[in-house]
Amino acid sequence: MRKLLIILLTFCGLNHSGWAQDYHFSQFYANPLYLSPSLAGATDGGRLIMNYRNQWPEISKAFSTYAISFDNFFPQFNSGLGFYLLQDKAGSVGLTSTHAAFQYSYNLMISKEWQVVPAIQFAYGNKSVDFSKIIFPDQPPGGVGASGSYDRLNNEQIHYIDMAASVFVYSSKYWMGVTIDHLSRPNYTFLNEESKFDYKYVVFGGMNIWTEQRRRTGMQRAFSTSFRYQHQGQFNQLDVGVYWHNSPIELGMWYRGIPVFNQSNSKSLNQDAIVALLAYDLGPLRIGYSYDITISSLGWSTAGAHELSLIFEFNQRGGLRLGGKRPAVPCSESANPLSSKGGKYTRKKRRLY
C-alpha cells in the first residue's frame, strides 16, 4: 500500500490533475492571507504568521508545506497590505512548488452593522522537479538509456504570474467571504503542450453563537461555528466545524468532506478527515496544533496529517483604529479572520470613505 501511494504521488505530480489542485491547510483561519486577500490588514497593526503542514507522515517524503506571511493595517488609508510566501514539497523526485503573493485590501462600511472588504492579489509561482530521479516505464532496465516519456518533458522548472480577487462581508455576529484565484489561468505543465490552472473558488463564513467577557480578569469565552467550501475543476471540498474559546485555551473540531457526493472515480463517499485543534494564547503570540484523522478509503495507512501555526501580533493600535470606528468581527481566535486583542466583541461605528 505504501509503495503504491508513493508511485501515485510521483505521477499525480506530473500529470494535469495533480498540478491543478492548490495547497491545503486544515487551520485555514490560522493562514488568513492564503484563505483570502481581503484578510490582509485584518488586525489593528502588524501580524506575522508561520504555518507548517506534514501530510501523510507515514509515507516518506509525501507532502510538506511551509508558509510565512506578514500583513499590516494602515488606518490613514483605510487599507491593508499583505505578503505571503509558500512552499510545498512532494515525493522523492523533488516536486517543489513555490508561491509568493502581494495583497491589497480596502475597508468600506455599508451600514451601521455591516462592513465590506474588497481586495486584490498579484502572485508569482514556480514549480520544479528533478527528472533524473524518475524511472519511466519505457526506460531500459537499470534506469539507463533513452526514454520516450523523458523526451516529452520540456522543462524542469515552470514560472508563472497569477492574480486573485476577493470580497469579505461581516457584521457583529456573522461573516462571509468569497475568493476567486487563478484569474490569469497560467500554464503549469512540464510537457510540450498547454494546460492551464482551473479557476479556484472559495466561499467561507461563520457565526458567533455565544460570547462572554469576564470583567474581573478580562478573559473571554466564545463559541462559534464556521465553514469553508472550495471548488477547482473537478475538485470539491467542504470544511464545517465549531470552536470553543476559553482564554487562553481554544479547542476546535471540524469535518472535511461532502458525503452526499460520490468521488468521480469510485462509488465511495467523498469524505476526507475529522480535524481536531488545540491552541494556546501567550499574550500577543498564539500557538496552534491540529491533527487530521483520516476517514477516507486510505484509512490509517497514511497516519493523517500534522499542522502547526504561530501567529504573532505587534504594534496593535486599537484606540487609533480609524478613531475607534472600525467594527470588530465576532468569533473565536482561530476562527476569527479579523482577530483583535482589544475589544473585539464591541460594536463600533465607522463612516464610508
Protein backbone atom coordinates (compact mmCIF):
# COMPACT_ATOMS: atom_id res chain seq x y z
CA MET A 1 0.00 0.00 0.00
CA ARG A 2 2.80 2.43 0.90
CA LYS A 3 4.68 1.77 -2.36
CA LEU A 4 1.50 2.31 -4.35
CA LEU A 5 0.91 5.67 -2.68
CA ILE A 6 4.48 6.78 -3.41
CA ILE A 7 4.01 5.91 -7.10
CA LEU A 8 0.75 7.83 -7.17
CA LEU A 9 2.44 10.83 -5.58
CA THR A 10 5.08 10.86 -8.30
CA PHE A 11 2.85 10.55 -11.33
CA CYS A 12 0.00 12.72 -10.00
CA GLY A 13 2.57 15.44 -9.54
CA LEU A 14 3.45 15.29 -13.24
CA ASN A 15 0.03 14.91 -14.77
CA HIS A 16 -2.64 17.55 -15.13
CA SER A 17 -4.96 16.66 -12.28
CA GLY A 18 -2.11 16.51 -9.77
CA TRP A 19 -0.82 20.01 -10.50
CA ALA A 20 -4.29 21.51 -10.84
CA GLN A 21 -5.17 21.31 -7.15
CA ASP A 22 -3.83 24.02 -4.85
CA TYR A 23 -2.19 23.67 -1.47
CA HIS A 24 -4.19 22.71 1.58
CA PHE A 25 -4.24 23.84 5.22
CA SER A 26 -6.65 22.48 7.82
CA GLN A 27 -6.20 25.55 10.05
CA PHE A 28 -7.43 27.81 7.28
CA TYR A 29 -8.24 30.75 9.58
CA ALA A 30 -4.72 30.50 11.03
CA ASN A 31 -3.43 31.13 7.48
CA PRO A 32 -5.75 34.03 6.63
CA LEU A 33 -3.81 35.61 3.76
CA TYR A 34 -3.85 32.33 1.84
CA LEU A 35 -7.57 31.99 2.52
CA SER A 36 -8.48 35.46 1.23
CA PRO A 37 -6.64 38.65 0.19
CA SER A 38 -9.42 40.56 1.97
CA LEU A 39 -7.94 39.44 5.29
CA ALA A 40 -4.71 41.38 4.70
CA GLY A 41 -4.53 44.07 7.36
CA ALA A 42 -7.16 42.34 9.48
CA THR A 43 -5.78 43.35 12.89
CA ASP A 44 -5.18 46.76 14.46
CA GLY A 45 -1.49 46.71 13.48
CA GLY A 46 1.08 44.20 12.27
CA ARG A 47 0.88 40.43 12.18
CA LEU A 48 3.45 37.73 11.42
CA ILE A 49 2.25 34.17 10.78
CA MET A 50 4.09 30.89 10.21
CA ASN A 51 2.44 27.60 9.20
CA TYR A 52 3.73 24.07 8.70
CA ARG A 53 1.82 21.02 7.46
CA ASN A 54 3.11 17.45 7.27
CA GLN A 55 0.60 15.37 5.34
CA TRP A 56 0.74 11.57 5.33
CA PRO A 57 3.80 11.31 7.64
CA GLU A 58 3.77 7.50 7.43
CA ILE A 59 4.91 7.83 3.81
CA SER A 60 8.48 9.01 3.33
CA LYS A 61 8.66 12.43 1.63
CA ALA A 62 4.93 12.60 0.95
CA PHE A 63 3.73 16.22 1.38
CA SER A 64 5.33 19.01 3.41
CA THR A 65 4.05 22.57 3.15
CA TYR A 66 5.57 25.70 4.70
CA ALA A 67 4.13 29.22 4.74
CA ILE A 68 5.11 32.57 6.19
CA SER A 69 3.04 35.73 5.90
CA PHE A 70 3.04 39.32 7.08
CA ASP A 71 0.31 41.94 6.96
CA ASN A 72 -0.36 45.39 8.38
CA PHE A 73 -3.32 47.76 8.62
CA PHE A 74 -2.90 51.44 7.68
CA PRO A 75 -5.74 53.43 9.29
CA GLN A 76 -4.91 56.66 7.47
CA PHE A 77 -5.74 54.92 4.16
CA ASN A 78 -8.47 52.52 5.35
CA SER A 79 -6.27 49.85 3.78
CA GLY A 80 -4.34 46.69 4.50
CA LEU A 81 -1.23 45.29 2.82
CA GLY A 82 -0.10 41.69 2.97
CA PHE A 83 2.57 39.35 1.67
CA TYR A 84 2.92 35.58 1.93
CA LEU A 85 5.47 33.03 0.77
CA LEU A 86 4.52 29.36 0.49
CA GLN A 87 6.48 26.27 -0.50
CA ASP A 88 5.21 22.73 -0.96
CA LYS A 89 7.39 19.63 -1.40
CA ALA A 90 6.04 16.26 -2.52
CA GLY A 91 7.52 12.86 -3.33
CA SER A 92 11.05 11.57 -3.68
CA VAL A 93 11.61 13.23 -7.08
CA GLY A 94 11.81 16.73 -5.65
CA LEU A 95 8.41 18.04 -6.73
CA THR A 96 8.56 21.59 -5.35
CA SER A 97 6.04 24.40 -5.66
CA THR A 98 6.75 27.97 -4.54
CA HIS A 99 4.16 30.73 -4.40
CA ALA A 100 4.67 34.38 -3.42
CA ALA A 101 1.85 36.93 -3.33
CA PHE A 102 1.26 40.63 -2.59
CA GLN A 103 -2.20 41.72 -1.43
CA TYR A 104 -4.12 44.96 -1.02
CA SER A 105 -7.46 45.36 0.78
CA TYR A 106 -9.74 48.35 1.30
CA ASN A 107 -12.34 48.74 4.06
CA LEU A 108 -15.84 50.07 3.47
CA MET A 109 -18.81 50.45 5.80
CA ILE A 110 -22.16 50.00 4.04
CA SER A 111 -24.32 50.35 7.16
CA LYS A 112 -24.04 50.72 10.92
CA GLU A 113 -23.73 46.96 11.23
CA TRP A 114 -22.08 45.74 8.04
CA GLN A 115 -18.52 46.12 6.77
CA VAL A 116 -17.22 45.17 3.28
CA VAL A 117 -13.57 44.50 2.42
CA PRO A 118 -12.73 44.03 -1.30
CA ALA A 119 -9.17 43.02 -2.17
CA ILE A 120 -6.84 42.03 -4.99
CA GLN A 121 -3.75 39.83 -5.17
CA PHE A 122 -0.78 39.60 -7.53
CA ALA A 123 1.34 36.45 -7.33
CA TYR A 124 4.40 34.72 -8.73
CA GLY A 125 4.65 30.94 -8.90
CA ASN A 126 7.38 28.41 -9.58
CA LYS A 127 7.23 24.63 -9.92
CA SER A 128 10.24 22.36 -10.27
CA VAL A 129 11.07 18.65 -10.41
CA ASP A 130 14.21 16.53 -10.72
CA PHE A 131 13.55 14.24 -13.70
CA SER A 132 16.81 12.37 -13.12
CA LYS A 133 15.20 10.69 -10.11
CA ILE A 134 12.33 9.26 -12.17
CA ILE A 135 12.49 5.85 -13.88
CA PHE A 136 9.88 5.72 -16.65
CA PRO A 137 8.04 2.53 -17.73
CA ASP A 138 9.61 2.68 -21.23
CA GLN A 139 13.15 3.17 -19.89
CA PRO A 140 15.67 0.29 -20.24
CA PRO A 141 16.34 -1.91 -17.18
CA GLY A 142 18.54 -0.23 -14.61
CA GLY A 143 17.22 3.23 -15.47
CA VAL A 144 19.97 3.91 -18.02
CA GLY A 145 19.25 4.88 -21.61
CA ALA A 146 16.77 6.83 -23.72
CA SER A 147 13.11 7.12 -22.82
CA GLY A 148 10.28 8.39 -24.97
CA SER A 149 8.47 9.62 -21.86
CA TYR A 150 11.51 11.64 -20.81
CA ASP A 151 11.73 13.26 -24.25
CA ARG A 152 8.20 14.64 -23.83
CA LEU A 153 9.25 16.61 -20.76
CA ASN A 154 10.11 20.16 -21.70
CA ASN A 155 11.44 21.91 -18.57
CA GLU A 156 12.40 21.07 -15.04
CA GLN A 157 11.01 24.45 -13.92
CA ILE A 158 7.86 26.42 -14.61
CA HIS A 159 7.41 30.14 -13.88
CA TYR A 160 4.09 31.97 -14.00
CA ILE A 161 2.28 35.15 -12.92
CA ASP A 162 -1.19 34.94 -11.41
CA MET A 163 -3.97 37.07 -9.93
CA ALA A 164 -6.78 36.68 -7.39
CA ALA A 165 -9.66 38.81 -6.12
CA SER A 166 -11.88 38.58 -3.06
CA VAL A 167 -14.57 40.28 -1.01
CA PHE A 168 -15.32 39.88 2.68
CA VAL A 169 -18.55 40.97 4.41
CA TYR A 170 -19.23 40.92 8.14
CA SER A 171 -21.35 42.27 10.98
CA SER A 172 -21.07 41.96 14.74
CA LYS A 173 -22.34 38.35 14.56
CA TYR A 174 -21.91 36.96 11.04
CA TRP A 175 -19.13 36.92 8.44
CA MET A 176 -18.73 35.58 4.91
CA GLY A 177 -16.10 35.84 2.19
CA VAL A 178 -15.59 34.80 -1.44
CA THR A 179 -12.22 34.36 -3.17
CA ILE A 180 -11.56 33.67 -6.86
CA ASP A 181 -7.99 32.58 -7.62
CA HIS A 182 -6.04 31.90 -10.85
CA LEU A 183 -7.75 34.73 -12.71
CA SER A 184 -4.94 34.77 -15.30
CA ARG A 185 -5.11 30.96 -15.71
CA PRO A 186 -1.35 30.41 -16.15
CA ASN A 187 0.12 27.32 -17.82
CA TYR A 188 1.52 24.78 -15.35
CA THR A 189 2.57 21.62 -17.24
CA PHE A 190 6.10 20.26 -17.74
CA LEU A 191 5.03 18.71 -21.04
CA ASN A 192 5.29 20.27 -24.50
CA GLU A 193 1.64 21.29 -24.51
CA GLU A 194 -0.74 23.78 -22.93
CA SER A 195 -2.57 23.03 -19.72
CA LYS A 196 -3.86 25.87 -17.56
CA PHE A 197 -4.95 26.19 -13.94
CA ASP A 198 -8.67 25.94 -13.36
CA TYR A 199 -10.31 28.84 -11.58
CA LYS A 200 -10.39 28.24 -7.84
CA TYR A 201 -13.50 29.37 -5.93
CA VAL A 202 -13.50 29.62 -2.13
CA VAL A 203 -16.54 30.52 -0.03
CA PHE A 204 -16.10 30.78 3.73
CA GLY A 205 -18.10 32.15 6.63
CA GLY A 206 -19.34 31.66 10.14
CA MET A 207 -21.47 32.79 13.03
CA ASN A 208 -20.70 33.80 16.57
CA ILE A 209 -23.17 31.79 18.63
CA TRP A 210 -22.23 32.97 22.10
CA THR A 211 -19.59 35.23 23.68
CA GLU A 212 -18.76 36.35 27.19
CA GLN A 213 -16.04 38.61 28.56
CA ARG A 214 -15.18 38.37 32.25
CA ARG A 215 -14.76 41.85 33.65
CA ARG A 216 -12.50 40.93 36.54
CA THR A 217 -9.89 39.06 34.50
CA GLY A 218 -10.57 40.49 31.05
CA MET A 219 -10.52 36.95 29.63
CA GLN A 220 -13.02 35.82 27.05
CA ARG A 221 -15.22 32.83 26.38
CA ALA A 222 -16.73 32.20 22.98
CA PHE A 223 -18.44 29.50 20.96
CA SER A 224 -18.66 29.83 17.19
CA THR A 225 -19.15 27.79 14.05
CA SER A 226 -17.60 28.25 10.62
CA PHE A 227 -17.27 26.64 7.20
CA ARG A 228 -15.15 26.70 4.05
CA TYR A 229 -16.14 25.41 0.61
CA GLN A 230 -13.60 25.05 -2.22
CA HIS A 231 -14.18 24.23 -5.89
CA GLN A 232 -11.47 23.86 -8.54
CA GLY A 233 -12.01 21.87 -11.73
CA GLN A 234 -13.45 18.51 -10.62
CA PHE A 235 -12.29 19.04 -7.03
CA ASN A 236 -14.86 19.91 -4.34
CA GLN A 237 -14.27 20.18 -0.61
CA LEU A 238 -16.28 21.35 2.38
CA ASP A 239 -14.99 22.00 5.91
CA VAL A 240 -17.55 22.50 8.70
CA GLY A 241 -16.59 22.93 12.33
CA VAL A 242 -17.04 24.50 15.76
CA TYR A 243 -14.66 26.38 18.05
CA TRP A 244 -14.72 26.77 21.82
CA HIS A 245 -12.51 29.56 23.19
CA ASN A 246 -11.93 29.84 26.94
CA SER A 247 -8.97 32.21 27.16
CA PRO A 248 -6.14 31.30 26.94
CA ILE A 249 -7.13 27.86 25.60
CA GLU A 250 -9.04 27.09 22.43
CA LEU A 251 -10.46 23.79 21.19
CA GLY A 252 -11.83 23.10 17.75
CA MET A 253 -13.18 20.21 15.73
CA TRP A 254 -14.50 20.04 12.20
CA TYR A 255 -15.40 17.63 9.43
CA ARG A 256 -13.92 17.72 5.92
CA GLY A 257 -15.78 16.13 3.02
CA ILE A 258 -19.03 16.17 1.05
CA PRO A 259 -20.65 12.80 1.87
CA VAL A 260 -23.64 13.37 -0.41
CA PHE A 261 -21.34 13.47 -3.47
CA ASN A 262 -19.56 10.42 -4.86
CA GLN A 263 -15.96 10.71 -5.94
CA SER A 264 -15.54 10.83 -9.71
CA ASN A 265 -13.59 7.57 -9.96
CA SER A 266 -15.28 5.45 -7.32
CA LYS A 267 -18.55 4.74 -5.56
CA SER A 268 -17.20 5.65 -2.13
CA LEU A 269 -18.34 8.73 -0.25
CA ASN A 270 -16.37 11.92 -0.78
CA GLN A 271 -15.15 12.33 2.78
CA ASP A 272 -11.63 13.04 3.94
CA ALA A 273 -10.97 13.66 7.62
CA ILE A 274 -12.02 14.74 11.08
CA VAL A 275 -9.74 17.53 12.31
CA ALA A 276 -9.01 18.26 15.98
CA LEU A 277 -7.43 21.55 17.09
CA LEU A 278 -5.71 22.73 20.27
CA ALA A 279 -4.47 26.32 20.57
CA TYR A 280 -2.96 28.44 23.34
CA ASP A 281 -2.58 32.21 23.68
CA LEU A 282 0.61 33.66 25.16
CA GLY A 283 -0.21 37.36 25.07
CA PRO A 284 0.47 38.55 21.51
CA LEU A 285 1.56 35.03 20.46
CA ARG A 286 -0.84 32.24 19.54
CA ILE A 287 0.30 28.63 19.06
CA GLY A 288 -1.98 26.13 17.36
CA TYR A 289 -1.71 22.40 16.63
CA SER A 290 -4.16 20.28 14.66
CA TYR A 291 -4.30 16.66 13.57
CA ASP A 292 -6.22 15.22 10.63
CA ILE A 293 -7.85 11.88 11.44
CA THR A 294 -8.26 10.20 8.05
CA ILE A 295 -11.72 8.73 7.40
CA SER A 296 -11.35 8.24 3.64
CA SER A 297 -10.60 4.94 1.91
CA LEU A 298 -6.89 5.48 2.62
CA GLY A 299 -7.55 4.70 6.27
CA TRP A 300 -4.71 4.79 8.79
CA SER A 301 -2.03 3.78 6.29
CA THR A 302 -1.04 7.44 5.79
CA ALA A 303 -1.11 8.47 9.50
CA GLY A 304 -3.22 11.54 8.76
CA ALA A 305 -1.61 14.97 8.90
CA HIS A 306 0.03 17.23 11.49
CA GLU A 307 -0.21 21.00 11.29
CA LEU A 308 1.36 23.81 13.35
CA SER A 309 0.64 27.54 13.31
CA LEU A 310 2.26 30.54 15.03
CA ILE A 311 0.58 33.96 15.00
CA PHE A 312 2.37 36.99 16.44
CA GLU A 313 0.64 40.37 16.60
CA PHE A 314 2.52 43.61 17.29
CA ASN A 315 2.02 47.38 17.21
CA GLN A 316 -1.66 46.87 17.79
CA ARG A 317 -3.35 50.28 17.88
CA GLY A 318 -6.94 49.53 18.90
CA GLY A 319 -7.57 53.05 20.15
CA LEU A 320 -6.24 54.59 16.93
CA ARG A 321 -8.00 52.23 14.54
CA LEU A 322 -9.81 54.84 12.44
CA GLY A 323 -10.59 56.72 15.62
CA GLY A 324 -12.14 53.59 17.08
CA LYS A 325 -14.69 53.44 14.26
CA ARG A 326 -13.77 50.14 12.64
CA PRO A 327 -16.23 47.42 13.67
CA ALA A 328 -14.95 44.15 15.05
CA VAL A 329 -15.73 40.67 13.73
CA PRO A 330 -17.11 38.25 16.34
CA CYS A 331 -15.86 34.68 16.61
CA SER A 332 -13.14 32.72 18.35
CA GLU A 333 -9.43 33.41 17.96
CA SER A 334 -8.56 30.89 15.25
CA ALA A 335 -11.95 31.20 13.56
CA ASN A 336 -11.74 34.99 13.62
CA PRO A 337 -10.35 36.35 10.36
CA LEU A 338 -10.19 39.85 11.85
CA SER A 339 -8.98 38.84 15.30
CA SER A 340 -8.20 41.82 17.51
CA LYS A 341 -6.97 41.50 21.06
CA GLY A 342 -8.60 44.69 22.26
CA GLY A 343 -12.37 44.91 22.45
CA LYS A 344 -13.03 42.63 19.50
CA TYR A 345 -16.59 41.92 20.64
CA THR A 346 -17.53 45.60 20.95
CA ARG A 347 -19.66 47.32 18.34
CA LYS A 348 -18.10 50.37 16.74
CA LYS A 349 -19.24 52.85 14.12
CA ARG A 350 -17.43 54.00 11.07
CA ARG A 351 -18.19 56.21 8.12
CA LEU A 352 -17.94 55.26 4.45
CA TYR A 353 -14.94 56.65 2.56
